[in-house]
N, C-alpha and C. Protein backbone atom coordinates (compact mmCIF):
# COMPACT_ATOMS: atom_id res chain seq x y z
N UNK A 1 13.66 0.96 23.22
CA UNK A 1 13.59 0.25 21.95
C UNK A 1 12.27 -0.52 21.83
N UNK A 2 11.83 -1.19 22.91
CA UNK A 2 10.58 -1.94 22.86
C UNK A 2 9.39 -1.02 22.70
N UNK A 3 9.46 0.18 23.29
CA UNK A 3 8.38 1.12 23.17
C UNK A 3 8.22 1.57 21.71
N UNK A 4 9.35 1.82 21.04
CA UNK A 4 9.30 2.19 19.62
C UNK A 4 8.75 1.05 18.79
N UNK A 5 9.21 -0.18 19.09
CA UNK A 5 8.74 -1.34 18.34
C UNK A 5 7.24 -1.52 18.58
N UNK A 6 6.79 -1.29 19.81
CA UNK A 6 5.37 -1.38 20.12
C UNK A 6 4.57 -0.34 19.37
N UNK A 7 5.11 0.87 19.28
CA UNK A 7 4.45 1.93 18.53
C UNK A 7 4.38 1.59 17.06
N UNK A 8 5.48 1.06 16.52
CA UNK A 8 5.52 0.70 15.10
C UNK A 8 4.54 -0.44 14.81
N UNK A 9 4.50 -1.43 15.68
CA UNK A 9 3.54 -2.53 15.50
C UNK A 9 2.11 -2.02 15.55
N UNK A 10 1.86 -1.12 16.51
CA UNK A 10 0.52 -0.55 16.65
C UNK A 10 0.14 0.27 15.42
N UNK A 11 1.08 1.05 14.91
CA UNK A 11 0.83 1.84 13.71
C UNK A 11 0.54 0.94 12.52
N UNK A 12 1.33 -0.10 12.38
CA UNK A 12 1.12 -1.04 11.26
C UNK A 12 -0.25 -1.72 11.37
N UNK A 13 -0.63 -2.14 12.56
CA UNK A 13 -1.93 -2.78 12.75
C UNK A 13 -3.07 -1.82 12.45
N UNK A 14 -2.94 -0.58 12.88
CA UNK A 14 -4.00 0.40 12.63
C UNK A 14 -4.14 0.71 11.13
N UNK A 15 -3.00 0.88 10.45
CA UNK A 15 -3.03 1.15 9.01
C UNK A 15 -3.67 -0.03 8.29
N UNK A 16 -3.24 -1.23 8.65
CA UNK A 16 -3.76 -2.43 7.99
C UNK A 16 -5.25 -2.60 8.28
N UNK A 17 -5.67 -2.36 9.50
CA UNK A 17 -7.09 -2.47 9.84
C UNK A 17 -7.92 -1.46 9.05
N UNK A 18 -7.44 -0.22 9.00
CA UNK A 18 -8.16 0.82 8.28
C UNK A 18 -8.24 0.50 6.79
N UNK A 19 -7.12 0.14 6.19
CA UNK A 19 -7.13 -0.14 4.75
C UNK A 19 -7.95 -1.39 4.43
N UNK A 20 -7.93 -2.36 5.32
CA UNK A 20 -8.74 -3.57 5.10
C UNK A 20 -10.23 -3.23 5.15
N UNK A 21 -10.63 -2.42 6.12
CA UNK A 21 -12.04 -2.01 6.20
C UNK A 21 -12.46 -1.21 4.97
N UNK A 22 -11.62 -0.28 4.55
CA UNK A 22 -11.93 0.51 3.36
C UNK A 22 -12.03 -0.40 2.14
N UNK A 23 -11.07 -1.31 1.98
CA UNK A 23 -11.07 -2.22 0.83
C UNK A 23 -12.29 -3.13 0.85
N UNK A 24 -12.66 -3.63 2.02
CA UNK A 24 -13.85 -4.49 2.10
C UNK A 24 -15.10 -3.71 1.71
N UNK A 25 -15.23 -2.49 2.21
CA UNK A 25 -16.37 -1.66 1.86
C UNK A 25 -16.42 -1.40 0.35
N UNK A 26 -15.29 -1.01 -0.22
CA UNK A 26 -15.23 -0.75 -1.66
C UNK A 26 -15.56 -2.00 -2.46
N UNK A 27 -15.07 -3.14 -2.02
CA UNK A 27 -15.33 -4.39 -2.74
C UNK A 27 -16.80 -4.77 -2.69
N UNK A 28 -17.43 -4.60 -1.53
CA UNK A 28 -18.85 -4.93 -1.40
C UNK A 28 -19.68 -4.01 -2.29
N UNK A 29 -19.41 -2.71 -2.25
CA UNK A 29 -20.15 -1.76 -3.08
C UNK A 29 -19.89 -2.05 -4.56
N UNK A 30 -18.65 -2.34 -4.92
CA UNK A 30 -18.30 -2.68 -6.30
C UNK A 30 -19.07 -3.92 -6.75
N UNK A 31 -19.12 -4.94 -5.92
CA UNK A 31 -19.84 -6.16 -6.26
C UNK A 31 -21.34 -5.91 -6.42
N UNK A 32 -21.90 -5.15 -5.51
CA UNK A 32 -23.33 -4.83 -5.60
C UNK A 32 -23.65 -4.03 -6.86
N UNK A 33 -22.82 -3.07 -7.17
CA UNK A 33 -23.05 -2.28 -8.39
C UNK A 33 -22.92 -3.12 -9.65
N UNK A 34 -21.95 -4.01 -9.66
CA UNK A 34 -21.78 -4.88 -10.82
C UNK A 34 -22.98 -5.81 -10.96
N UNK A 35 -23.45 -6.34 -9.84
CA UNK A 35 -24.64 -7.20 -9.85
C UNK A 35 -25.85 -6.41 -10.34
N UNK A 36 -26.03 -5.20 -9.85
CA UNK A 36 -27.13 -4.34 -10.29
C UNK A 36 -27.04 -4.09 -11.80
N UNK A 37 -25.84 -3.81 -12.27
CA UNK A 37 -25.63 -3.56 -13.70
C UNK A 37 -26.05 -4.77 -14.54
N UNK A 38 -25.64 -5.96 -14.10
CA UNK A 38 -25.97 -7.18 -14.84
C UNK A 38 -27.48 -7.41 -14.85
N UNK A 39 -28.10 -7.29 -13.70
CA UNK A 39 -29.56 -7.49 -13.60
C UNK A 39 -30.29 -6.48 -14.47
N UNK A 40 -29.91 -5.23 -14.35
CA UNK A 40 -30.60 -4.18 -15.11
C UNK A 40 -30.37 -4.34 -16.61
N UNK A 41 -29.19 -4.79 -17.00
CA UNK A 41 -28.88 -4.91 -18.44
C UNK A 41 -29.54 -6.13 -19.06
N UNK A 42 -29.43 -7.29 -18.41
CA UNK A 42 -29.87 -8.53 -19.06
C UNK A 42 -31.27 -8.97 -18.66
N UNK A 43 -31.75 -8.54 -17.52
CA UNK A 43 -33.10 -8.94 -17.11
C UNK A 43 -34.11 -7.84 -17.47
N UNK A 44 -33.85 -6.62 -17.05
CA UNK A 44 -34.78 -5.52 -17.30
C UNK A 44 -34.51 -4.78 -18.61
N UNK A 45 -33.37 -5.05 -19.21
CA UNK A 45 -32.97 -4.43 -20.47
C UNK A 45 -32.95 -2.90 -20.42
N UNK A 46 -32.60 -2.39 -19.23
CA UNK A 46 -32.52 -0.93 -19.06
C UNK A 46 -31.41 -0.62 -18.05
N UNK A 47 -30.14 -0.71 -18.50
CA UNK A 47 -29.05 -0.49 -17.54
C UNK A 47 -28.90 0.98 -17.16
N UNK A 48 -28.62 1.24 -15.89
CA UNK A 48 -28.35 2.62 -15.49
C UNK A 48 -27.04 3.10 -16.14
N UNK A 49 -27.00 4.33 -16.52
CA UNK A 49 -25.84 4.87 -17.22
C UNK A 49 -24.63 5.07 -16.31
N UNK A 50 -24.84 5.16 -15.03
CA UNK A 50 -23.79 5.55 -14.10
C UNK A 50 -23.07 4.39 -13.42
N UNK A 51 -23.66 3.19 -13.41
CA UNK A 51 -23.08 2.10 -12.61
C UNK A 51 -21.70 1.66 -13.12
N UNK A 52 -21.54 1.64 -14.43
CA UNK A 52 -20.26 1.20 -14.99
C UNK A 52 -19.13 2.16 -14.60
N UNK A 53 -19.41 3.43 -14.64
CA UNK A 53 -18.39 4.42 -14.29
C UNK A 53 -18.07 4.39 -12.80
N UNK A 54 -19.10 4.28 -11.98
CA UNK A 54 -18.87 4.20 -10.53
C UNK A 54 -18.06 2.95 -10.20
N UNK A 55 -18.40 1.82 -10.83
CA UNK A 55 -17.66 0.59 -10.59
C UNK A 55 -16.19 0.75 -10.98
N UNK A 56 -15.94 1.41 -12.09
CA UNK A 56 -14.56 1.63 -12.53
C UNK A 56 -13.81 2.49 -11.51
N UNK A 57 -14.44 3.54 -11.03
CA UNK A 57 -13.80 4.42 -10.05
C UNK A 57 -13.55 3.70 -8.73
N UNK A 58 -14.52 2.90 -8.29
CA UNK A 58 -14.33 2.14 -7.06
C UNK A 58 -13.19 1.14 -7.22
N UNK A 59 -13.08 0.55 -8.39
CA UNK A 59 -11.99 -0.40 -8.64
C UNK A 59 -10.63 0.29 -8.57
N UNK A 60 -10.55 1.48 -9.13
CA UNK A 60 -9.29 2.24 -9.06
C UNK A 60 -8.92 2.51 -7.61
N UNK A 61 -9.89 2.96 -6.82
CA UNK A 61 -9.63 3.21 -5.40
C UNK A 61 -9.23 1.91 -4.69
N UNK A 62 -9.92 0.83 -5.02
CA UNK A 62 -9.63 -0.46 -4.39
C UNK A 62 -8.21 -0.91 -4.67
N UNK A 63 -7.73 -0.71 -5.87
CA UNK A 63 -6.36 -1.10 -6.23
C UNK A 63 -5.35 -0.33 -5.39
N UNK A 64 -5.49 0.99 -5.31
CA UNK A 64 -4.48 1.78 -4.60
C UNK A 64 -4.56 1.59 -3.09
N UNK A 65 -5.76 1.36 -2.55
CA UNK A 65 -5.87 1.06 -1.12
C UNK A 65 -5.34 -0.35 -0.85
N UNK A 66 -5.59 -1.26 -1.78
CA UNK A 66 -5.17 -2.65 -1.60
C UNK A 66 -3.67 -2.85 -1.61
N UNK A 67 -2.91 -1.92 -2.20
CA UNK A 67 -1.45 -2.04 -2.19
C UNK A 67 -0.92 -2.24 -0.78
N UNK A 68 -1.44 -1.46 0.17
CA UNK A 68 -0.89 -1.54 1.52
C UNK A 68 -1.22 -2.88 2.18
N UNK A 69 -2.34 -3.47 1.82
CA UNK A 69 -2.67 -4.80 2.36
C UNK A 69 -1.67 -5.83 1.83
N UNK A 70 -1.34 -5.72 0.56
CA UNK A 70 -0.37 -6.62 -0.05
C UNK A 70 0.99 -6.47 0.64
N UNK A 71 1.41 -5.23 0.89
CA UNK A 71 2.70 -4.99 1.55
C UNK A 71 2.69 -5.54 2.96
N UNK A 72 1.60 -5.35 3.68
CA UNK A 72 1.51 -5.86 5.04
C UNK A 72 1.66 -7.38 5.08
N UNK A 73 1.12 -8.04 4.08
CA UNK A 73 1.20 -9.51 4.03
C UNK A 73 2.49 -10.00 3.39
N UNK A 74 3.40 -9.08 3.06
CA UNK A 74 4.66 -9.42 2.39
C UNK A 74 4.41 -10.20 1.09
N UNK A 75 3.41 -9.78 0.35
CA UNK A 75 3.05 -10.46 -0.90
C UNK A 75 3.41 -9.66 -2.13
N UNK A 76 4.15 -8.55 -1.94
CA UNK A 76 4.52 -7.76 -3.12
C UNK A 76 5.54 -8.53 -3.95
N UNK A 77 5.61 -8.17 -5.23
CA UNK A 77 6.52 -8.86 -6.13
C UNK A 77 7.97 -8.53 -5.77
N UNK A 78 8.76 -9.56 -5.65
CA UNK A 78 10.19 -9.40 -5.40
C UNK A 78 10.88 -10.71 -5.70
N UNK A 79 12.18 -10.68 -5.70
CA UNK A 79 12.98 -11.87 -5.96
C UNK A 79 13.77 -12.24 -4.71
N UNK A 80 13.13 -12.89 -3.75
CA UNK A 80 13.79 -13.12 -2.46
C UNK A 80 14.79 -14.27 -2.44
N UNK A 81 14.78 -15.13 -3.46
CA UNK A 81 15.60 -16.34 -3.38
C UNK A 81 17.08 -16.04 -3.25
N UNK A 82 17.58 -14.94 -3.79
CA UNK A 82 19.00 -14.61 -3.66
C UNK A 82 19.28 -14.06 -2.26
N UNK A 83 18.45 -13.13 -1.83
CA UNK A 83 18.68 -12.48 -0.53
C UNK A 83 18.50 -13.47 0.61
N UNK A 84 17.56 -14.41 0.46
CA UNK A 84 17.32 -15.39 1.52
C UNK A 84 18.51 -16.34 1.72
N UNK A 85 19.36 -16.47 0.71
CA UNK A 85 20.52 -17.34 0.81
C UNK A 85 21.66 -16.68 1.60
N UNK A 86 21.58 -15.37 1.77
CA UNK A 86 22.64 -14.63 2.46
C UNK A 86 22.38 -14.62 3.96
N UNK A 87 23.45 -14.40 4.74
CA UNK A 87 23.24 -14.29 6.18
C UNK A 87 22.65 -12.91 6.51
N UNK A 88 22.14 -12.77 7.72
CA UNK A 88 21.46 -11.54 8.14
C UNK A 88 22.35 -10.31 8.05
N UNK A 89 23.63 -10.50 8.27
CA UNK A 89 24.57 -9.38 8.25
C UNK A 89 24.61 -8.73 6.87
N UNK A 90 24.37 -9.50 5.83
CA UNK A 90 24.38 -8.99 4.46
C UNK A 90 22.96 -8.70 3.97
N UNK A 91 22.01 -9.57 4.31
CA UNK A 91 20.65 -9.42 3.77
C UNK A 91 19.90 -8.23 4.38
N UNK A 92 20.14 -7.91 5.63
CA UNK A 92 19.44 -6.78 6.24
C UNK A 92 19.81 -5.44 5.60
N UNK A 93 21.09 -5.15 5.34
CA UNK A 93 21.38 -3.90 4.63
C UNK A 93 20.76 -3.85 3.23
N UNK A 94 20.72 -4.99 2.55
CA UNK A 94 20.07 -5.04 1.24
C UNK A 94 18.58 -4.73 1.39
N UNK A 95 17.97 -5.28 2.41
CA UNK A 95 16.55 -5.03 2.69
C UNK A 95 16.31 -3.55 2.99
N UNK A 96 17.20 -2.95 3.75
CA UNK A 96 17.06 -1.52 4.09
C UNK A 96 17.21 -0.67 2.83
N UNK A 97 18.20 -0.96 2.01
CA UNK A 97 18.39 -0.21 0.75
C UNK A 97 17.17 -0.38 -0.15
N UNK A 98 16.67 -1.60 -0.23
CA UNK A 98 15.48 -1.85 -1.04
C UNK A 98 14.29 -1.02 -0.52
N UNK A 99 14.08 -1.05 0.78
CA UNK A 99 12.96 -0.28 1.36
C UNK A 99 13.12 1.22 1.11
N UNK A 100 14.34 1.72 1.23
CA UNK A 100 14.57 3.15 1.00
C UNK A 100 14.31 3.52 -0.46
N UNK A 101 14.67 2.64 -1.37
CA UNK A 101 14.40 2.93 -2.79
C UNK A 101 12.90 2.88 -3.07
N UNK A 102 12.18 1.97 -2.44
CA UNK A 102 10.72 1.92 -2.59
C UNK A 102 10.10 3.18 -1.98
N UNK A 103 10.60 3.62 -0.84
CA UNK A 103 10.10 4.84 -0.20
C UNK A 103 10.29 6.03 -1.14
N UNK A 104 11.45 6.11 -1.79
CA UNK A 104 11.68 7.21 -2.74
C UNK A 104 10.66 7.17 -3.88
N UNK A 105 10.40 5.98 -4.41
CA UNK A 105 9.39 5.83 -5.47
C UNK A 105 8.01 6.25 -4.97
N UNK A 106 7.67 5.85 -3.75
CA UNK A 106 6.36 6.19 -3.18
C UNK A 106 6.22 7.71 -3.02
N UNK A 107 7.26 8.37 -2.54
CA UNK A 107 7.22 9.83 -2.38
C UNK A 107 7.01 10.50 -3.73
N UNK A 108 7.71 10.02 -4.75
CA UNK A 108 7.53 10.56 -6.11
C UNK A 108 6.07 10.34 -6.55
N UNK A 109 5.53 9.17 -6.26
CA UNK A 109 4.14 8.88 -6.62
C UNK A 109 3.15 9.78 -5.90
N UNK A 110 3.42 10.06 -4.62
CA UNK A 110 2.53 10.94 -3.86
C UNK A 110 2.56 12.35 -4.46
N UNK A 111 3.75 12.87 -4.70
CA UNK A 111 3.88 14.22 -5.25
C UNK A 111 3.21 14.32 -6.62
N UNK A 112 3.50 13.36 -7.50
CA UNK A 112 2.92 13.40 -8.83
C UNK A 112 1.41 13.16 -8.81
N UNK A 113 0.95 12.32 -7.89
CA UNK A 113 -0.49 12.08 -7.76
C UNK A 113 -1.24 13.32 -7.31
N UNK A 114 -0.65 14.06 -6.38
CA UNK A 114 -1.27 15.32 -5.94
C UNK A 114 -1.27 16.32 -7.08
N UNK A 115 -0.16 16.40 -7.80
CA UNK A 115 -0.07 17.31 -8.95
C UNK A 115 -1.12 16.95 -10.00
N UNK A 116 -1.25 15.67 -10.32
CA UNK A 116 -2.23 15.21 -11.30
C UNK A 116 -3.65 15.51 -10.84
N UNK A 117 -3.90 15.34 -9.55
CA UNK A 117 -5.23 15.63 -9.01
C UNK A 117 -5.58 17.11 -9.17
N UNK A 118 -4.63 17.98 -8.85
CA UNK A 118 -4.88 19.41 -9.01
C UNK A 118 -5.08 19.78 -10.47
N UNK A 119 -4.32 19.15 -11.36
CA UNK A 119 -4.45 19.44 -12.78
C UNK A 119 -5.81 19.02 -13.33
N UNK A 120 -6.39 17.99 -12.77
CA UNK A 120 -7.62 17.43 -13.33
C UNK A 120 -8.87 17.85 -12.57
N UNK A 121 -8.77 18.85 -11.72
CA UNK A 121 -9.94 19.24 -10.92
C UNK A 121 -11.07 19.83 -11.76
N UNK A 122 -10.76 20.33 -12.95
CA UNK A 122 -11.80 20.90 -13.81
C UNK A 122 -12.24 19.95 -14.92
N UNK A 123 -11.64 18.77 -15.00
CA UNK A 123 -12.02 17.78 -15.99
C UNK A 123 -13.08 16.87 -15.36
N UNK A 124 -14.23 16.77 -16.02
CA UNK A 124 -15.34 16.02 -15.45
C UNK A 124 -15.47 14.64 -16.10
N UNK A 125 -15.91 13.68 -15.31
CA UNK A 125 -16.14 12.34 -15.84
C UNK A 125 -17.36 12.36 -16.77
N UNK A 126 -17.43 11.39 -17.64
CA UNK A 126 -18.45 11.39 -18.67
C UNK A 126 -19.86 11.23 -18.12
N UNK A 127 -20.10 10.21 -17.33
CA UNK A 127 -21.46 9.90 -16.88
C UNK A 127 -21.85 10.68 -15.62
N UNK A 128 -20.99 10.70 -14.65
CA UNK A 128 -21.34 11.30 -13.36
C UNK A 128 -21.09 12.80 -13.29
N UNK A 129 -20.24 13.28 -14.18
CA UNK A 129 -19.89 14.70 -14.20
C UNK A 129 -19.23 15.15 -12.90
N UNK A 130 -18.40 14.26 -12.34
CA UNK A 130 -17.61 14.63 -11.15
C UNK A 130 -16.18 14.87 -11.60
N UNK A 131 -15.44 15.71 -10.88
CA UNK A 131 -14.05 15.97 -11.27
C UNK A 131 -13.18 14.71 -11.18
N UNK A 132 -12.33 14.54 -12.17
CA UNK A 132 -11.41 13.42 -12.17
C UNK A 132 -10.44 13.49 -11.00
N UNK A 133 -10.32 14.64 -10.39
CA UNK A 133 -9.44 14.78 -9.23
C UNK A 133 -9.83 13.80 -8.13
N UNK A 134 -11.13 13.50 -7.99
CA UNK A 134 -11.59 12.56 -6.96
C UNK A 134 -11.11 11.14 -7.25
N UNK A 135 -10.85 10.85 -8.48
CA UNK A 135 -10.34 9.53 -8.83
C UNK A 135 -8.82 9.53 -8.72
N UNK A 136 -8.18 10.56 -9.26
CA UNK A 136 -6.72 10.61 -9.24
C UNK A 136 -6.14 10.76 -7.83
N UNK A 137 -6.91 11.29 -6.92
CA UNK A 137 -6.40 11.45 -5.54
C UNK A 137 -6.24 10.08 -4.86
N UNK A 138 -6.81 9.04 -5.46
CA UNK A 138 -6.65 7.69 -4.90
C UNK A 138 -5.19 7.26 -4.89
N UNK A 139 -4.41 7.71 -5.87
CA UNK A 139 -2.99 7.34 -5.92
C UNK A 139 -2.24 7.90 -4.71
N UNK A 140 -2.27 9.20 -4.44
CA UNK A 140 -1.53 9.66 -3.26
C UNK A 140 -2.10 9.14 -1.94
N UNK A 141 -3.41 8.95 -1.86
CA UNK A 141 -3.99 8.41 -0.62
C UNK A 141 -3.48 6.99 -0.38
N UNK A 142 -3.55 6.16 -1.40
CA UNK A 142 -3.04 4.79 -1.26
C UNK A 142 -1.54 4.76 -1.00
N UNK A 143 -0.82 5.66 -1.66
CA UNK A 143 0.63 5.71 -1.47
C UNK A 143 1.03 6.23 -0.08
N UNK A 144 0.21 7.06 0.53
CA UNK A 144 0.50 7.50 1.91
C UNK A 144 0.44 6.30 2.85
N UNK A 145 -0.59 5.45 2.67
CA UNK A 145 -0.65 4.22 3.47
C UNK A 145 0.58 3.36 3.21
N UNK A 146 0.96 3.24 1.95
CA UNK A 146 2.17 2.47 1.60
C UNK A 146 3.42 3.06 2.25
N UNK A 147 3.53 4.38 2.19
CA UNK A 147 4.69 5.06 2.77
C UNK A 147 4.80 4.75 4.26
N UNK A 148 3.70 4.83 4.96
CA UNK A 148 3.73 4.55 6.40
C UNK A 148 4.15 3.10 6.67
N UNK A 149 3.62 2.17 5.88
CA UNK A 149 4.00 0.77 6.09
C UNK A 149 5.46 0.51 5.76
N UNK A 150 5.95 1.13 4.69
CA UNK A 150 7.37 0.94 4.36
C UNK A 150 8.28 1.62 5.37
N UNK A 151 7.85 2.72 5.95
CA UNK A 151 8.64 3.33 7.03
C UNK A 151 8.71 2.39 8.22
N UNK A 152 7.59 1.75 8.56
CA UNK A 152 7.57 0.79 9.66
C UNK A 152 8.51 -0.38 9.34
N UNK A 153 8.41 -0.90 8.11
CA UNK A 153 9.29 -2.02 7.71
C UNK A 153 10.76 -1.62 7.76
N UNK A 154 11.07 -0.40 7.33
CA UNK A 154 12.45 0.06 7.30
C UNK A 154 13.00 0.24 8.71
N UNK A 155 12.21 0.85 9.57
CA UNK A 155 12.64 1.01 10.97
C UNK A 155 12.86 -0.35 11.61
N UNK A 156 11.98 -1.29 11.34
CA UNK A 156 12.13 -2.64 11.88
C UNK A 156 13.40 -3.30 11.36
N UNK A 157 13.69 -3.13 10.07
CA UNK A 157 14.91 -3.70 9.49
C UNK A 157 16.16 -3.05 10.09
N UNK A 158 16.11 -1.75 10.29
CA UNK A 158 17.25 -1.04 10.90
C UNK A 158 17.46 -1.53 12.33
N UNK A 159 16.37 -1.70 13.08
CA UNK A 159 16.48 -2.21 14.44
C UNK A 159 17.04 -3.63 14.46
N UNK A 160 16.58 -4.47 13.53
CA UNK A 160 17.10 -5.83 13.44
C UNK A 160 18.59 -5.83 13.11
N UNK A 161 18.98 -4.96 12.19
CA UNK A 161 20.39 -4.86 11.80
C UNK A 161 21.24 -4.40 12.98
N UNK A 162 20.77 -3.38 13.69
CA UNK A 162 21.51 -2.89 14.86
C UNK A 162 21.61 -3.98 15.92
N UNK A 163 20.54 -4.73 16.10
CA UNK A 163 20.55 -5.82 17.08
C UNK A 163 21.54 -6.91 16.67
N UNK A 164 21.58 -7.23 15.35
CA UNK A 164 22.51 -8.27 14.91
C UNK A 164 23.96 -7.80 15.03
N UNK A 165 24.21 -6.51 14.78
CA UNK A 165 25.57 -5.98 14.96
C UNK A 165 25.97 -6.04 16.42
N UNK A 166 25.04 -5.66 17.30
CA UNK A 166 25.32 -5.70 18.73
C UNK A 166 25.57 -7.13 19.19
N UNK A 167 24.78 -8.07 18.66
CA UNK A 167 24.94 -9.48 19.02
C UNK A 167 26.29 -10.00 18.54
N UNK A 168 26.68 -9.63 17.32
CA UNK A 168 27.99 -10.06 16.79
C UNK A 168 29.13 -9.46 17.61
N UNK A 169 28.98 -8.20 18.01
CA UNK A 169 30.01 -7.55 18.80
C UNK A 169 30.14 -8.24 20.16
N UNK A 170 29.01 -8.58 20.78
CA UNK A 170 29.03 -9.27 22.06
C UNK A 170 29.66 -10.65 21.93
N UNK A 171 29.33 -11.34 20.84
CA UNK A 171 29.92 -12.67 20.61
C UNK A 171 31.42 -12.59 20.41
N UNK A 172 31.88 -11.55 19.70
CA UNK A 172 33.33 -11.39 19.49
C UNK A 172 34.05 -11.06 20.78
N UNK A 173 33.41 -10.27 21.65
CA UNK A 173 34.04 -9.91 22.93
C UNK A 173 34.14 -11.10 23.86
N UNK A 174 33.12 -11.97 23.81
CA UNK A 174 33.14 -13.14 24.71
C UNK A 174 33.90 -14.30 24.11
N UNK A 175 34.22 -14.20 22.81
CA UNK A 175 34.98 -15.24 22.16
C UNK A 175 34.13 -16.37 21.62
N UNK A 176 32.81 -16.23 21.69
CA UNK A 176 31.95 -17.28 21.12
C UNK A 176 31.60 -16.96 19.69
N UNK A 177 31.14 -17.97 18.99
CA UNK A 177 30.84 -17.81 17.57
C UNK A 177 29.35 -17.78 17.35
């Protein structure tokens, strides 16, 4: 059990490290491009035609990659005040069901994102003339990172639930509360 937990922790750390590095790189490039756009537009009065589109595409990628960072930090939107009031015996199954429903949504997003990417491979962007598939593929790529993190969270919740059941069973056998 500890070996699996160690593997899951390691997987989560690697995913988070990778997505954080990618997000930091995208953010730096996005900031530099935006700065270049402002300087070229307002100082030199000759803005490059491509910077706005590249910045938009980088932002799209940043959003979908950033989802996994938000999930890792447990900062996603949810209503925890009800579940936090319940004991672990009740809240853990709710957490597992919640994670499984999010996983189902993520899988649907991955499938539809891949489908959308294939559909748009011949549609070119206005300024750069690159296929929109390169932008739309950001959804399934970001969602794969999300899927892996939610699988780690779900396995951890299942392990916690199994441990709490085992602890309750041991307490009942020994007669302690």
